[in-house]
Amino acid sequence: DNGPVRIPDLYFAHPDGSPDIGRTDAYLETIRAVRRFA
């Protein structure tokens, strides 16, 4: 949660620039799991 860009604020995008919701959701779930572990 620190730094100029918070890690949970990042997201994945398709080559055309549109958000890749599926990959972003998987990424955010990984962050939640890391948080639970820590």
Full PDB file with SEQRES, HELIX, SHEET, SSBOND, CRYST1, ORIGX, SCALE, CONECT and MASTER records, all heavy atoms in Angstrom:
SEQRES   1 A   38  ASP ASN GLY PRO VAL ARG ILE PRO ASP LEU TYR PHE ALA          
SEQRES   2 A   38  HIS PRO ASP GLY SER PRO ASP ILE GLY ARG THR ASP ALA          
SEQRES   3 A   38  TYR LEU GLU THR ILE ARG ALA VAL ARG ARG PHE ALA              
HELIX    1 AA1 ILE A    7  ASP A    9  5                                   3    
HELIX    2 AA2 ILE A   21  PHE A   37  1                                  17    
CRYST1    1.000    1.000    1.000  90.00  90.00  90.00 P 1           1          
ORIGX1      1.000000  0.000000  0.000000        0.00000                         
ORIGX2      0.000000  1.000000  0.000000        0.00000                         
ORIGX3      0.000000  0.000000  1.000000        0.00000                         
SCALE1      1.000000  0.000000  0.000000        0.00000                         
SCALE2      0.000000  1.000000  0.000000        0.00000                         
SCALE3      0.000000  0.000000  1.000000        0.00000                         
ATOM      1  N   ASP A   1       0.791  -1.234   0.000  1.00  0.00           N  
ATOM      2  CA  ASP A   1       0.000   0.000   0.000  1.00  0.00           C  
ATOM      3  C   ASP A   1       0.819   1.279   0.000  1.00  0.00           C  
ATOM      4  O   ASP A   1       0.283   2.347   0.260  1.00  0.00           O  
ATOM      5  CB  ASP A   1      -0.932   0.003   1.219  1.00  0.00           C  
ATOM      6  CG  ASP A   1      -2.025  -1.027   1.079  1.00  0.00           C  
ATOM      7  OD1 ASP A   1      -2.567  -1.154  -0.026  1.00  0.00           O  
ATOM      8  OD2 ASP A   1      -2.320  -1.722   2.069  1.00  0.00           O  
ATOM      9  N   ASN A   2       2.099   1.178  -0.278  1.00  0.00           N  
ATOM     10  CA  ASN A   2       2.934   2.376  -0.268  1.00  0.00           C  
ATOM     11  C   ASN A   2       3.679   2.527  -1.572  1.00  0.00           C  
ATOM     12  O   ASN A   2       3.824   1.585  -2.329  1.00  0.00           O  
ATOM     13  CB  ASN A   2       3.902   2.319   0.912  1.00  0.00           C  
ATOM     14  CG  ASN A   2       3.178   2.495   2.222  1.00  0.00           C  
ATOM     15  OD1 ASN A   2       2.663   3.562   2.493  1.00  0.00           O  
ATOM     16  ND2 ASN A   2       3.109   1.443   3.010  1.00  0.00           N  
ATOM     17  N   GLY A   3       4.153   3.730  -1.791  1.00  0.00           N  
ATOM     18  CA  GLY A   3       4.883   4.035  -3.012  1.00  0.00           C  
ATOM     19  C   GLY A   3       4.071   4.955  -3.891  1.00  0.00           C  
ATOM     20  O   GLY A   3       2.899   5.230  -3.618  1.00  0.00           O  
ATOM     21  N   PRO A   4       4.688   5.438  -4.949  1.00  0.00           N  
ATOM     22  CA  PRO A   4       3.989   6.384  -5.834  1.00  0.00           C  
ATOM     23  C   PRO A   4       2.768   5.764  -6.511  1.00  0.00           C  
ATOM     24  O   PRO A   4       1.780   6.435  -6.755  1.00  0.00           O  
ATOM     25  CB  PRO A   4       5.039   6.787  -6.861  1.00  0.00           C  
ATOM     26  CG  PRO A   4       6.172   5.838  -6.698  1.00  0.00           C  
ATOM     27  CD  PRO A   4       6.049   5.186  -5.371  1.00  0.00           C  
ATOM     28  N   VAL A   5       2.846   4.464  -6.807  1.00  0.00           N  
ATOM     29  CA  VAL A   5       1.707   3.738  -7.372  1.00  0.00           C  
ATOM     30  C   VAL A   5       1.497   2.508  -6.507  1.00  0.00           C  
ATOM     31  O   VAL A   5       2.361   1.651  -6.407  1.00  0.00           O  
ATOM     32  CB  VAL A   5       1.977   3.309  -8.835  1.00  0.00           C  
ATOM     33  CG1 VAL A   5       0.821   2.492  -9.374  1.00  0.00           C  
ATOM     34  CG2 VAL A   5       2.234   4.520  -9.713  1.00  0.00           C  
ATOM     35  N   ARG A   6       0.348   2.451  -5.853  1.00  0.00           N  
ATOM     36  CA  ARG A   6       0.048   1.290  -5.009  1.00  0.00           C  
ATOM     37  C   ARG A   6      -0.111   0.054  -5.887  1.00  0.00           C  
ATOM     38  O   ARG A   6      -0.733   0.117  -6.945  1.00  0.00           O  
ATOM     39  CB  ARG A   6      -1.237   1.531  -4.217  1.00  0.00           C  
ATOM     40  CG  ARG A   6      -1.127   2.634  -3.191  1.00  0.00           C  
ATOM     41  CD  ARG A   6      -2.454   2.907  -2.496  1.00  0.00           C  
ATOM     42  NE  ARG A   6      -2.998   1.702  -1.883  1.00  0.00           N  
ATOM     43  CZ  ARG A   6      -4.149   1.117  -2.256  1.00  0.00           C  
ATOM     44  NH1 ARG A   6      -4.872   1.616  -3.233  1.00  0.00           N  
ATOM     45  NH2 ARG A   6      -4.579   0.039  -1.642  1.00  0.00           N  
ATOM     46  N   ILE A   7       0.444  -1.046  -5.450  1.00  0.00           N  
ATOM     47  CA  ILE A   7       0.395  -2.285  -6.225  1.00  0.00           C  
ATOM     48  C   ILE A   7      -1.042  -2.696  -6.558  1.00  0.00           C  
ATOM     49  O   ILE A   7      -1.316  -3.093  -7.690  1.00  0.00           O  
ATOM     50  CB  ILE A   7       1.199  -3.388  -5.509  1.00  0.00           C  
ATOM     51  CG1 ILE A   7       2.678  -3.035  -5.635  1.00  0.00           C  
ATOM     52  CG2 ILE A   7       0.905  -4.762  -6.068  1.00  0.00           C  
ATOM     53  CD1 ILE A   7       3.607  -3.920  -4.872  1.00  0.00           C  
ATOM     54  N   PRO A   8      -2.007  -2.575  -5.616  1.00  0.00           N  
ATOM     55  CA  PRO A   8      -3.385  -2.947  -5.969  1.00  0.00           C  
ATOM     56  C   PRO A   8      -4.048  -2.008  -6.990  1.00  0.00           C  
ATOM     57  O   PRO A   8      -5.096  -2.338  -7.530  1.00  0.00           O  
ATOM     58  CB  PRO A   8      -4.127  -2.880  -4.632  1.00  0.00           C  
ATOM     59  CG  PRO A   8      -3.075  -3.009  -3.588  1.00  0.00           C  
ATOM     60  CD  PRO A   8      -1.861  -2.358  -4.186  1.00  0.00           C  
ATOM     61  N   ASP A   9      -3.443  -0.864  -7.265  1.00  0.00           N  
ATOM     62  CA  ASP A   9      -4.017   0.066  -8.244  1.00  0.00           C  
ATOM     63  C   ASP A   9      -3.654  -0.279  -9.683  1.00  0.00           C  
ATOM     64  O   ASP A   9      -4.218   0.289 -10.619  1.00  0.00           O  
ATOM     65  CB  ASP A   9      -3.581   1.506  -7.947  1.00  0.00           C  
ATOM     66  CG  ASP A   9      -4.166   2.039  -6.654  1.00  0.00           C  
ATOM     67  OD1 ASP A   9      -5.187   1.481  -6.191  1.00  0.00           O  
ATOM     68  OD2 ASP A   9      -3.610   2.996  -6.106  1.00  0.00           O  
ATOM     69  N   LEU A  10      -2.720  -1.190  -9.871  1.00  0.00           N  
ATOM     70  CA  LEU A  10      -2.309  -1.589 -11.216  1.00  0.00           C  
ATOM     71  C   LEU A  10      -3.366  -2.509 -11.828  1.00  0.00           C  
ATOM     72  O   LEU A  10      -4.136  -3.139 -11.110  1.00  0.00           O  
ATOM     73  CB  LEU A  10      -0.965  -2.321 -11.158  1.00  0.00           C  
ATOM     74  CG  LEU A  10       0.197  -1.535 -10.557  1.00  0.00           C  
ATOM     75  CD1 LEU A  10       1.398  -2.441 -10.374  1.00  0.00           C  
ATOM     76  CD2 LEU A  10       0.531  -0.343 -11.424  1.00  0.00           C  
ATOM     77  N   TYR A  11      -3.394  -2.569 -13.138  1.00  0.00           N  
ATOM     78  CA  TYR A  11      -4.359  -3.439 -13.809  1.00  0.00           C  
ATOM     79  C   TYR A  11      -3.778  -3.928 -15.125  1.00  0.00           C  
ATOM     80  O   TYR A  11      -2.840  -3.342 -15.670  1.00  0.00           O  
ATOM     81  CB  TYR A  11      -5.690  -2.720 -14.045  1.00  0.00           C  
ATOM     82  CG  TYR A  11      -5.578  -1.519 -14.942  1.00  0.00           C  
ATOM     83  CD1 TYR A  11      -5.780  -1.636 -16.315  1.00  0.00           C  
ATOM     84  CD2 TYR A  11      -5.260  -0.275 -14.431  1.00  0.00           C  
ATOM     85  CE1 TYR A  11      -5.667  -0.544 -17.152  1.00  0.00           C  
ATOM     86  CE2 TYR A  11      -5.148   0.834 -15.257  1.00  0.00           C  
ATOM     87  CZ  TYR A  11      -5.348   0.691 -16.611  1.00  0.00           C  
ATOM     88  OH  TYR A  11      -5.224   1.778 -17.436  1.00  0.00           O  
ATOM     89  N   PHE A  12      -4.356  -4.991 -15.626  1.00  0.00           N  
ATOM     90  CA  PHE A  12      -3.953  -5.560 -16.909  1.00  0.00           C  
ATOM     91  C   PHE A  12      -4.835  -5.005 -18.015  1.00  0.00           C  
ATOM     92  O   PHE A  12      -6.007  -4.700 -17.788  1.00  0.00           O  
ATOM     93  CB  PHE A  12      -4.075  -7.090 -16.885  1.00  0.00           C  
ATOM     94  CG  PHE A  12      -2.961  -7.742 -16.132  1.00  0.00           C  
ATOM     95  CD1 PHE A  12      -3.067  -7.952 -14.775  1.00  0.00           C  
ATOM     96  CD2 PHE A  12      -1.799  -8.127 -16.784  1.00  0.00           C  
ATOM     97  CE1 PHE A  12      -2.033  -8.544 -14.058  1.00  0.00           C  
ATOM     98  CE2 PHE A  12      -0.759  -8.721 -16.085  1.00  0.00           C  
ATOM     99  CZ  PHE A  12      -0.881  -8.927 -14.718  1.00  0.00           C  
ATOM    100  N   ALA A  13      -4.249  -4.891 -19.204  1.00  0.00           N  
ATOM    101  CA  ALA A  13      -4.997  -4.396 -20.358  1.00  0.00           C  
ATOM    102  C   ALA A  13      -4.733  -5.311 -21.551  1.00  0.00           C  
ATOM    103  O   ALA A  13      -3.674  -5.928 -21.671  1.00  0.00           O  
ATOM    104  CB  ALA A  13      -4.582  -2.978 -20.686  1.00  0.00           C  
ATOM    105  N   HIS A  14      -5.722  -5.377 -22.420  1.00  0.00           N  
ATOM    106  CA  HIS A  14      -5.574  -6.097 -23.689  1.00  0.00           C  
ATOM    107  C   HIS A  14      -4.688  -5.263 -24.621  1.00  0.00           C  
ATOM    108  O   HIS A  14      -4.486  -4.071 -24.381  1.00  0.00           O  
ATOM    109  CB  HIS A  14      -6.951  -6.293 -24.336  1.00  0.00           C  
ATOM    110  CG  HIS A  14      -7.840  -7.222 -23.572  1.00  0.00           C  
ATOM    111  ND1 HIS A  14      -7.629  -8.578 -23.498  1.00  0.00           N  
ATOM    112  CD2 HIS A  14      -8.963  -6.971 -22.839  1.00  0.00           C  
ATOM    113  CE1 HIS A  14      -8.565  -9.134 -22.758  1.00  0.00           C  
ATOM    114  NE2 HIS A  14      -9.401  -8.185 -22.348  1.00  0.00           N  
ATOM    115  N   PRO A  15      -4.170  -5.864 -25.695  1.00  0.00           N  
ATOM    116  CA  PRO A  15      -3.332  -5.121 -26.635  1.00  0.00           C  
ATOM    117  C   PRO A  15      -4.003  -3.855 -27.193  1.00  0.00           C  
ATOM    118  O   PRO A  15      -3.325  -2.873 -27.493  1.00  0.00           O  
ATOM    119  CB  PRO A  15      -3.056  -6.130 -27.756  1.00  0.00           C  
ATOM    120  CG  PRO A  15      -3.149  -7.460 -27.086  1.00  0.00           C  
ATOM    121  CD  PRO A  15      -4.229  -7.295 -26.042  1.00  0.00           C  
ATOM    122  N   ASP A  16      -5.338  -3.859 -27.273  1.00  0.00           N  
ATOM    123  CA  ASP A  16      -6.026  -2.664 -27.795  1.00  0.00           C  
ATOM    124  C   ASP A  16      -6.204  -1.585 -26.718  1.00  0.00           C  
ATOM    125  O   ASP A  16      -6.759  -0.526 -26.986  1.00  0.00           O  
ATOM    126  CB  ASP A  16      -7.379  -3.036 -28.396  1.00  0.00           C  
ATOM    127  CG  ASP A  16      -8.387  -3.534 -27.360  1.00  0.00           C  
ATOM    128  OD1 ASP A  16      -8.044  -3.607 -26.160  1.00  0.00           O  
ATOM    129  OD2 ASP A  16      -9.515  -3.862 -27.767  1.00  0.00           O  
ATOM    130  N   GLY A  17      -5.717  -1.860 -25.488  1.00  0.00           N  
ATOM    131  CA  GLY A  17      -5.797  -0.882 -24.408  1.00  0.00           C  
ATOM    132  C   GLY A  17      -6.998  -1.037 -23.489  1.00  0.00           C  
ATOM    133  O   GLY A  17      -7.075  -0.392 -22.450  1.00  0.00           O  
ATOM    134  N   SER A  18      -7.949  -1.880 -23.864  1.00  0.00           N  
ATOM    135  CA  SER A  18      -9.120  -2.079 -23.010  1.00  0.00           C  
ATOM    136  C   SER A  18      -8.728  -2.929 -21.796  1.00  0.00           C  
ATOM    137  O   SER A  18      -7.817  -3.747 -21.874  1.00  0.00           O  
ATOM    138  CB  SER A  18     -10.245  -2.766 -23.796  1.00  0.00           C  
ATOM    139  OG  SER A  18      -9.841  -4.053 -24.206  1.00  0.00           O  
ATOM    140  N   PRO A  19      -9.383  -2.710 -20.669  1.00  0.00           N  
ATOM    141  CA  PRO A  19      -9.041  -3.459 -19.451  1.00  0.00           C  
ATOM    142  C   PRO A  19      -9.253  -4.956 -19.628  1.00  0.00           C  
ATOM    143  O   PRO A  19     -10.239  -5.390 -20.215  1.00  0.00           O  
ATOM    144  CB  PRO A  19     -10.010  -2.910 -18.405  1.00  0.00           C  
ATOM    145  CG  PRO A  19     -10.551  -1.647 -18.961  1.00  0.00           C  
ATOM    146  CD  PRO A  19     -10.471  -1.758 -20.447  1.00  0.00           C  
ATOM    147  N   ASP A  20      -8.316  -5.731 -19.114  1.00  0.00           N  
ATOM    148  CA  ASP A  20      -8.438  -7.184 -19.082  1.00  0.00           C  
ATOM    149  C   ASP A  20      -8.971  -7.540 -17.701  1.00  0.00           C  
ATOM    150  O   ASP A  20      -8.200  -7.741 -16.745  1.00  0.00           O  
ATOM    151  CB  ASP A  20      -7.090  -7.843 -19.348  1.00  0.00           C  
ATOM    152  CG  ASP A  20      -7.185  -9.359 -19.473  1.00  0.00           C  
ATOM    153  OD1 ASP A  20      -8.147  -9.944 -18.937  1.00  0.00           O  
ATOM    154  OD2 ASP A  20      -6.283  -9.946 -20.099  1.00  0.00           O  
ATOM    155  N   ILE A  21     -10.268  -7.603 -17.592  1.00  0.00           N  
ATOM    156  CA  ILE A  21     -10.922  -7.766 -16.297  1.00  0.00           C  
ATOM    157  C   ILE A  21     -10.588  -9.122 -15.668  1.00  0.00           C  
ATOM    158  O   ILE A  21     -10.326  -9.198 -14.467  1.00  0.00           O  
ATOM    159  CB  ILE A  21     -12.441  -7.559 -16.434  1.00  0.00           C  
ATOM    160  CG1 ILE A  21     -12.699  -6.110 -16.828  1.00  0.00           C  
ATOM    161  CG2 ILE A  21     -13.167  -7.910 -15.144  1.00  0.00           C  
ATOM    162  CD1 ILE A  21     -14.106  -5.794 -17.225  1.00  0.00           C  
ATOM    163  N   GLY A  22     -10.565 -10.167 -16.454  1.00  0.00           N  
ATOM    164  CA  GLY A  22     -10.278 -11.496 -15.919  1.00  0.00           C  
ATOM    165  C   GLY A  22      -8.893 -11.581 -15.291  1.00  0.00           C  
ATOM    166  O   GLY A  22      -8.731 -12.062 -14.169  1.00  0.00           O  
ATOM    167  N   ARG A  23      -7.887 -11.112 -16.012  1.00  0.00           N  
ATOM    168  CA  ARG A  23      -6.509 -11.149 -15.474  1.00  0.00           C  
ATOM    169  C   ARG A  23      -6.354 -10.197 -14.302  1.00  0.00           C  
ATOM    170  O   ARG A  23      -5.669 -10.506 -13.337  1.00  0.00           O  
ATOM    171  CB  ARG A  23      -5.510 -10.818 -16.573  1.00  0.00           C  
ATOM    172  CG  ARG A  23      -5.407 -11.960 -17.562  1.00  0.00           C  
ATOM    173  CD  ARG A  23      -4.277 -11.791 -18.537  1.00  0.00           C  
ATOM    174  NE  ARG A  23      -3.056 -11.327 -17.946  1.00  0.00           N  
ATOM    175  CZ  ARG A  23      -2.046 -12.111 -17.530  1.00  0.00           C  
ATOM    176  NH1 ARG A  23      -2.152 -13.404 -17.676  1.00  0.00           N  
ATOM    177  NH2 ARG A  23      -0.969 -11.602 -17.028  1.00  0.00           N  
ATOM    178  N   THR A  24      -6.994  -9.041 -14.384  1.00  0.00           N  
ATOM    179  CA  THR A  24      -6.915  -8.087 -13.274  1.00  0.00           C  
ATOM    180  C   THR A  24      -7.560  -8.670 -12.027  1.00  0.00           C  
ATOM    181  O   THR A  24      -7.024  -8.540 -10.921  1.00  0.00           O  
ATOM    182  CB  THR A  24      -7.562  -6.744 -13.661  1.00  0.00           C  
ATOM    183  OG1 THR A  24      -6.850  -6.203 -14.788  1.00  0.00           O  
ATOM    184  CG2 THR A  24      -7.514  -5.751 -12.517  1.00  0.00           C  
ATOM    185  N   ASP A  25      -8.705  -9.326 -12.189  1.00  0.00           N  
ATOM    186  CA  ASP A  25      -9.358  -9.956 -11.035  1.00  0.00           C  
ATOM    187  C   ASP A  25      -8.467 -11.035 -10.414  1.00  0.00           C  
ATOM    188  O   ASP A  25      -8.363 -11.130  -9.181  1.00  0.00           O  
ATOM    189  CB  ASP A  25     -10.706 -10.561 -11.436  1.00  0.00           C  
ATOM    190  CG  ASP A  25     -11.781  -9.516 -11.648  1.00  0.00           C  
ATOM    191  OD1 ASP A  25     -11.576  -8.333 -11.275  1.00  0.00           O  
ATOM    192  OD2 ASP A  25     -12.839  -9.877 -12.198  1.00  0.00           O  
ATOM    193  N   ALA A  26      -7.815 -11.842 -11.246  1.00  0.00           N  
ATOM    194  CA  ALA A  26      -6.918 -12.881 -10.733  1.00  0.00           C  
ATOM    195  C   ALA A  26      -5.728 -12.250 -10.005  1.00  0.00           C  
ATOM    196  O   ALA A  26      -5.307 -12.731  -8.938  1.00  0.00           O  
ATOM    197  CB  ALA A  26      -6.442 -13.775 -11.875  1.00  0.00           C  
ATOM    198  N   TYR A  27      -5.205 -11.179 -10.551  1.00  0.00           N  
ATOM    199  CA  TYR A  27      -4.096 -10.438  -9.935  1.00  0.00           C  
ATOM    200  C   TYR A  27      -4.518  -9.880  -8.577  1.00  0.00           C  
ATOM    201  O   TYR A  27      -3.810 -10.044  -7.569  1.00  0.00           O  
ATOM    202  CB  TYR A  27      -3.663  -9.331 -10.898  1.00  0.00           C  
ATOM    203  CG  TYR A  27      -2.810  -8.240 -10.316  1.00  0.00           C  
ATOM    204  CD1 TYR A  27      -1.490  -8.490  -9.943  1.00  0.00           C  
ATOM    205  CD2 TYR A  27      -3.297  -6.950 -10.166  1.00  0.00           C  
ATOM    206  CE1 TYR A  27      -0.692  -7.475  -9.439  1.00  0.00           C  
ATOM    207  CE2 TYR A  27      -2.511  -5.937  -9.659  1.00  0.00           C  
ATOM    208  CZ  TYR A  27      -1.207  -6.211  -9.293  1.00  0.00           C  
ATOM    209  OH  TYR A  27      -0.415  -5.202  -8.789  1.00  0.00           O  
ATOM    210  N   LEU A  28      -5.689  -9.256  -8.528  1.00  0.00           N  
ATOM    211  CA  LEU A  28      -6.175  -8.680  -7.267  1.00  0.00           C  
ATOM    212  C   LEU A  28      -6.470  -9.763  -6.230  1.00  0.00           C  
ATOM    213  O   LEU A  28      -6.248  -9.565  -5.031  1.00  0.00           O  
ATOM    214  CB  LEU A  28      -7.405  -7.806  -7.513  1.00  0.00           C  
ATOM    215  CG  LEU A  28      -7.133  -6.527  -8.312  1.00  0.00           C  
ATOM    216  CD1 LEU A  28      -8.436  -5.814  -8.634  1.00  0.00           C  
ATOM    217  CD2 LEU A  28      -6.167  -5.614  -7.572  1.00  0.00           C  
ATOM    218  N   GLU A  29      -6.948 -10.914  -6.673  1.00  0.00           N  
ATOM    219  CA  GLU A  29      -7.177 -12.027  -5.744  1.00  0.00           C  
ATOM    220  C   GLU A  29      -5.847 -12.517  -5.165  1.00  0.00           C  
ATOM    221  O   GLU A  29      -5.763 -12.862  -3.986  1.00  0.00           O  
ATOM    222  CB  GLU A  29      -7.925 -13.178  -6.413  1.00  0.00           C  
ATOM    223  CG  GLU A  29      -8.188 -14.350  -5.492  1.00  0.00           C  
ATOM    224  CD  GLU A  29      -8.860 -13.984  -4.174  1.00  0.00           C  
ATOM    225  OE1 GLU A  29      -9.766 -13.119  -4.160  1.00  0.00           O  
ATOM    226  OE2 GLU A  29      -8.472 -14.557  -3.131  1.00  0.00           O  
ATOM    227  N   THR A  30      -4.810 -12.526  -5.978  1.00  0.00           N  
ATOM    228  CA  THR A  30      -3.489 -12.905  -5.486  1.00  0.00           C  
ATOM    229  C   THR A  30      -3.015 -11.919  -4.426  1.00  0.00           C  
ATOM    230  O   THR A  30      -2.476 -12.316  -3.387  1.00  0.00           O  
ATOM    231  CB  THR A  30      -2.480 -12.986  -6.647  1.00  0.00           C  
ATOM    232  OG1 THR A  30      -2.930 -13.970  -7.578  1.00  0.00           O  
ATOM    233  CG2 THR A  30      -1.085 -13.346  -6.157  1.00  0.00           C  
ATOM    234  N   ILE A  31      -3.242 -10.636  -4.660  1.00  0.00           N  
ATOM    235  CA  ILE A  31      -2.866  -9.615  -3.671  1.00  0.00           C  
ATOM    236  C   ILE A  31      -3.629  -9.839  -2.364  1.00  0.00           C  
ATOM    237  O   ILE A  31      -3.053  -9.779  -1.274  1.00  0.00           O  
ATOM    238  CB  ILE A  31      -3.109  -8.195  -4.215  1.00  0.00           C  
ATOM    239  CG1 ILE A  31      -2.110  -7.905  -5.332  1.00  0.00           C  
ATOM    240  CG2 ILE A  31      -3.017  -7.153  -3.095  1.00  0.00           C  
ATOM    241  CD1 ILE A  31      -2.375  -6.619  -6.083  1.00  0.00           C  
ATOM    242  N   ARG A  32      -4.927 -10.122  -2.462  1.00  0.00           N  
ATOM    243  CA  ARG A  32      -5.717 -10.384  -1.252  1.00  0.00           C  
ATOM    244  C   ARG A  32      -5.177 -11.603  -0.503  1.00  0.00           C  
ATOM    245  O   ARG A  32      -5.085 -11.604   0.727  1.00  0.00           O  
ATOM    246  CB  ARG A  32      -7.193 -10.565  -1.599  1.00  0.00           C  
ATOM    247  CG  ARG A  32      -7.893  -9.254  -1.943  1.00  0.00           C  
ATOM    248  CD  ARG A  32      -9.397  -9.428  -2.082  1.00  0.00           C  
ATOM    249  NE  ARG A  32      -9.780 -10.155  -3.269  1.00  0.00           N  
ATOM    250  CZ  ARG A  32      -9.985  -9.604  -4.469  1.00  0.00           C  
ATOM    251  NH1 ARG A  32      -9.854  -8.303  -4.631  1.00  0.00           N  
ATOM    252  NH2 ARG A  32     -10.342 -10.346  -5.497  1.00  0.00           N  
ATOM    253  N   ALA A  33      -4.797 -12.640  -1.229  1.00  0.00           N  
ATOM    254  CA  ALA A  33      -4.258 -13.848  -0.609  1.00  0.00           C  
ATOM    255  C   ALA A  33      -2.903 -13.566   0.046  1.00  0.00           C  
ATOM    256  O   ALA A  33      -2.619 -14.065   1.144  1.00  0.00           O  
ATOM    257  CB  ALA A  33      -4.136 -14.964  -1.653  1.00  0.00           C  
ATOM    258  N   VAL A  34      -2.068 -12.755  -0.598  1.00  0.00           N  
ATOM    259  CA  VAL A  34      -0.779 -12.372  -0.012  1.00  0.00           C  
ATOM    260  C   VAL A  34      -1.020 -11.586   1.279  1.00  0.00           C  
ATOM    261  O   VAL A  34      -0.366 -11.813   2.298  1.00  0.00           O  
ATOM    262  CB  VAL A  34       0.070 -11.548  -1.011  1.00  0.00           C  
ATOM    263  CG1 VAL A  34       1.235 -10.851  -0.314  1.00  0.00           C  
ATOM    264  CG2 VAL A  34       0.575 -12.435  -2.139  1.00  0.00           C  
ATOM    265  N   ARG A  35      -1.983 -10.697   1.241  1.00  0.00           N  
ATOM    266  CA  ARG A  35      -2.335  -9.904   2.429  1.00  0.00           C  
ATOM    267  C   ARG A  35      -2.792 -10.813   3.584  1.00  0.00           C  
ATOM    268  O   ARG A  35      -2.366 -10.639   4.726  1.00  0.00           O  
ATOM    269  CB  ARG A  35      -3.457  -8.939   2.070  1.00  0.00           C  
ATOM    270  CG  ARG A  35      -3.246  -7.543   2.534  1.00  0.00           C  
ATOM    271  CD  ARG A  35      -4.502  -6.726   2.226  1.00  0.00           C  
ATOM    272  NE  ARG A  35      -4.468  -6.041   0.971  1.00  0.00           N  
ATOM    273  CZ  ARG A  35      -3.759  -4.942   0.737  1.00  0.00           C  
ATOM    274  NH1 ARG A  35      -3.016  -4.423   1.663  1.00  0.00           N  
ATOM    275  NH2 ARG A  35      -3.810  -4.357  -0.431  1.00  0.00           N  
ATOM    276  N   ARG A  36      -3.661 -11.781   3.265  1.00  0.00           N  
ATOM    277  CA  ARG A  36      -4.129 -12.720   4.297  1.00  0.00           C  
ATOM    278  C   ARG A  36      -2.959 -13.506   4.881  1.00  0.00           C  
ATOM    279  O   ARG A  36      -2.868 -13.702   6.094  1.00  0.00           O  
ATOM    280  CB  ARG A  36      -5.171 -13.685   3.727  1.00  0.00           C  
ATOM    281  CG  ARG A  36      -6.554 -13.091   3.573  1.00  0.00           C  
ATOM    282  CD  ARG A  36      -7.607 -14.136   3.246  1.00  0.00           C  
ATOM    283  NE  ARG A  36      -7.359 -14.878   2.023  1.00  0.00           N  
ATOM    284  CZ  ARG A  36      -7.747 -14.488   0.801  1.00  0.00           C  
ATOM    285  NH1 ARG A  36      -8.434 -13.363   0.649  1.00  0.00           N  
ATOM    286  NH2 ARG A  36      -7.475 -15.220  -0.260  1.00  0.00           N  
ATOM    287  N   PHE A  37      -2.076 -13.960   4.008  1.00  0.00           N  
ATOM    288  CA  PHE A  37      -0.908 -14.689   4.477  1.00  0.00           C  
ATOM    289  C   PHE A  37      -0.072 -13.814   5.411  1.00  0.00           C  
ATOM    290  O   PHE A  37       0.283 -14.234   6.513  1.00  0.00           O  
ATOM    291  CB  PHE A  37      -0.037 -15.154   3.301  1.00  0.00           C  
ATOM    292  CG  PHE A  37       1.329 -15.565   3.743  1.00  0.00           C  
ATOM    293  CD1 PHE A  37       1.526 -16.803   4.336  1.00  0.00           C  
ATOM    294  CD2 PHE A  37       2.401 -14.705   3.611  1.00  0.00           C  
ATOM    295  CE1 PHE A  37       2.781 -17.175   4.789  1.00  0.00           C  
ATOM    296  CE2 PHE A  37       3.660 -15.070   4.059  1.00  0.00           C  
ATOM    297  CZ  PHE A  37       3.846 -16.306   4.646  1.00  0.00           C  
ATOM    298  N   ALA A  38       0.247 -12.607   4.973  1.00  0.00           N  
ATOM    299  CA  ALA A  38       1.114 -11.727   5.768  1.00  0.00           C  
ATOM    300  C   ALA A  38       0.452 -11.348   7.091  1.00  0.00           C  
ATOM    301  O   ALA A  38       1.121 -11.280   8.121  1.00  0.00           O  
ATOM    302  CB  ALA A  38       1.474 -10.480   4.970  1.00  0.00           C  
TER     303      ALA A  38                                                      
MASTER        0    0    0    2    0    0    0    6  302    1    0    3          
END                                                                             
